[in-house]
Amino acid sequence: MNKRKTILRNKDLLKLIKFRSRHGRKEGCVRIHRVNSIEHETVKAQLVHWLLNNGYTTYTEAEWKDESGRADVVAIQNGVGFVIEVLHTESEEKYAEKKMKYPEEFTLVKVRTKDFKYDEFCL
């Protein structure tokens, strides 16, 4: 995991996410895509559950304002933002490509489905 970035205001972090990705009832909801594996989607749902229970604001499949991509899970708490990428079959090369697309204000966290343990997860 990368070092935590400078603490910003939550609203400054939210400004980096497209409005349609955070408006309405999308906060705290888990968006499921049929192209993703059941393992990927199950871990994503478990992550959001853990994050909500630990006081984070969450968005799934959040698109960035600069059109650079989409994050599996965005978690924000007390002005600190995380992007959590759930990896099931993706290679390290594909992960490295994704890494370059995220705003530097967010700390990137990689979670492999085969290694994820709900009770041991922490940010």
Protein backbone atom coordinates (compact mmCIF):
# COMPACT_ATOMS: atom_id res chain seq x y z
CA MET A 1 0.00 0.00 0.00
CA ASN A 2 1.19 3.54 -0.78
CA LYS A 3 1.78 6.08 1.94
CA ARG A 4 -1.29 8.10 2.85
CA LYS A 5 -1.59 11.35 0.98
CA THR A 6 -1.99 14.79 2.48
CA ILE A 7 -5.34 15.10 4.21
CA LEU A 8 -7.81 17.08 2.10
CA ARG A 9 -11.44 17.91 2.69
CA ASN A 10 -13.84 15.15 1.66
CA LYS A 11 -15.54 17.48 -0.81
CA ASP A 12 -12.21 18.15 -2.55
CA LEU A 13 -11.77 14.42 -3.10
CA LEU A 14 -15.37 14.06 -4.30
CA LYS A 15 -14.77 16.75 -6.91
CA LEU A 16 -12.40 14.33 -8.70
CA ILE A 17 -15.25 11.85 -9.26
CA LYS A 18 -17.81 12.43 -12.01
CA PHE A 19 -21.03 13.86 -10.61
CA ARG A 20 -23.15 11.04 -12.07
CA SER A 21 -20.93 8.48 -10.28
CA ARG A 22 -21.71 9.96 -6.87
CA HIS A 23 -25.13 11.60 -7.18
CA GLY A 24 -28.31 10.21 -5.72
CA ARG A 25 -28.30 6.85 -3.98
CA LYS A 26 -24.95 5.70 -5.28
CA GLU A 27 -23.09 6.39 -2.05
CA GLY A 28 -22.81 3.11 -0.15
CA CYS A 29 -24.34 1.07 -2.98
CA VAL A 30 -22.55 -1.77 -4.73
CA ARG A 31 -22.75 -1.67 -8.50
CA ILE A 32 -22.47 -5.13 -10.04
CA HIS A 33 -21.33 -5.80 -13.60
CA ARG A 34 -22.15 -9.04 -15.38
CA VAL A 35 -18.76 -9.10 -17.09
CA ASN A 36 -16.96 -9.40 -13.75
CA SER A 37 -16.54 -12.75 -12.06
CA ILE A 38 -18.67 -13.71 -9.08
CA GLU A 39 -15.47 -13.79 -7.01
CA HIS A 40 -14.67 -10.20 -8.00
CA GLU A 41 -18.16 -8.94 -7.21
CA THR A 42 -18.39 -10.87 -3.93
CA VAL A 43 -15.14 -9.40 -2.62
CA LYS A 44 -16.20 -5.92 -3.79
CA ALA A 45 -19.46 -6.23 -1.81
CA GLN A 46 -17.61 -7.49 1.27
CA LEU A 47 -15.16 -4.58 1.04
CA VAL A 48 -17.97 -2.05 0.89
CA HIS A 49 -19.64 -3.71 3.89
CA TRP A 50 -16.39 -3.52 5.88
CA LEU A 51 -15.78 0.09 4.85
CA LEU A 52 -19.30 1.24 5.75
CA ASN A 53 -19.02 -0.48 9.13
CA ASN A 54 -15.77 1.39 9.72
CA GLY A 55 -17.11 4.85 8.90
CA TYR A 56 -16.02 5.30 5.28
CA THR A 57 -18.07 6.88 2.53
CA THR A 58 -17.97 4.51 -0.44
CA TYR A 59 -18.61 4.54 -4.16
CA THR A 60 -18.26 1.56 -6.49
CA GLU A 61 -17.38 1.74 -10.17
CA ALA A 62 -16.70 5.45 -9.70
CA GLU A 63 -15.63 7.25 -12.87
CA TRP A 64 -13.03 10.01 -12.73
CA LYS A 65 -13.87 13.50 -13.97
CA ASP A 66 -10.84 13.54 -16.23
CA GLU A 67 -12.18 10.47 -18.11
CA SER A 68 -9.10 8.43 -17.14
CA GLY A 69 -10.95 5.38 -15.92
CA ARG A 70 -13.10 3.81 -13.27
CA ALA A 71 -12.31 2.51 -9.78
CA ASP A 72 -13.75 -0.68 -8.29
CA VAL A 73 -14.19 0.98 -4.88
CA VAL A 74 -13.51 4.52 -3.66
CA ALA A 75 -13.44 5.00 0.11
CA ILE A 76 -13.19 8.38 1.84
CA GLN A 77 -12.90 9.20 5.52
CA ASN A 78 -11.70 12.36 7.27
CA GLY A 79 -10.24 13.83 4.08
CA VAL A 80 -8.24 10.74 3.16
CA GLY A 81 -9.19 8.86 0.00
CA PHE A 82 -8.48 5.31 -1.12
CA VAL A 83 -9.01 3.54 -4.41
CA ILE A 84 -9.38 -0.20 -3.90
CA GLU A 85 -8.84 -2.37 -6.94
CA VAL A 86 -10.19 -5.91 -6.69
CA LEU A 87 -8.07 -8.29 -8.75
CA HIS A 88 -9.22 -11.76 -9.70
CA THR A 89 -7.66 -12.70 -13.02
CA GLU A 90 -5.89 -9.42 -13.83
CA SER A 91 -2.14 -9.53 -14.32
CA GLU A 92 0.33 -7.28 -12.51
CA GLU A 93 0.86 -5.49 -15.85
CA LYS A 94 -2.85 -4.68 -16.14
CA TYR A 95 -2.84 -3.46 -12.52
CA ALA A 96 0.18 -1.25 -13.24
CA GLU A 97 -1.69 0.30 -16.18
CA LYS A 98 -4.71 1.04 -13.98
CA LYS A 99 -2.47 2.52 -11.28
CA MET A 100 -1.35 5.30 -13.61
CA LYS A 101 -4.94 6.43 -14.22
CA TYR A 102 -5.96 7.32 -10.68
CA PRO A 103 -5.72 10.80 -9.18
CA GLU A 104 -2.65 11.19 -6.99
CA GLU A 105 -4.85 12.43 -4.14
CA PHE A 106 -5.98 8.84 -3.55
CA THR A 107 -3.95 6.00 -2.07
CA LEU A 108 -4.20 2.87 -4.18
CA VAL A 109 -4.90 -0.46 -2.48
CA LYS A 110 -4.79 -3.80 -4.28
CA VAL A 111 -6.94 -6.69 -3.05
CA ARG A 112 -6.61 -10.12 -4.64
CA THR A 113 -9.80 -12.17 -4.39
CA LYS A 114 -7.90 -15.35 -3.47
CA ASP A 115 -6.17 -13.60 -0.55
CA PHE A 116 -9.04 -11.50 0.81
CA LYS A 117 -10.14 -12.20 4.38
CA TYR A 118 -12.90 -9.94 5.67
CA ASP A 119 -11.88 -10.22 9.34
CA GLU A 120 -8.24 -9.38 8.56
CA PHE A 121 -8.77 -6.48 6.17
CA CYS A 122 -7.78 -2.97 7.24
CA LEU A 123 -6.85 0.37 5.68
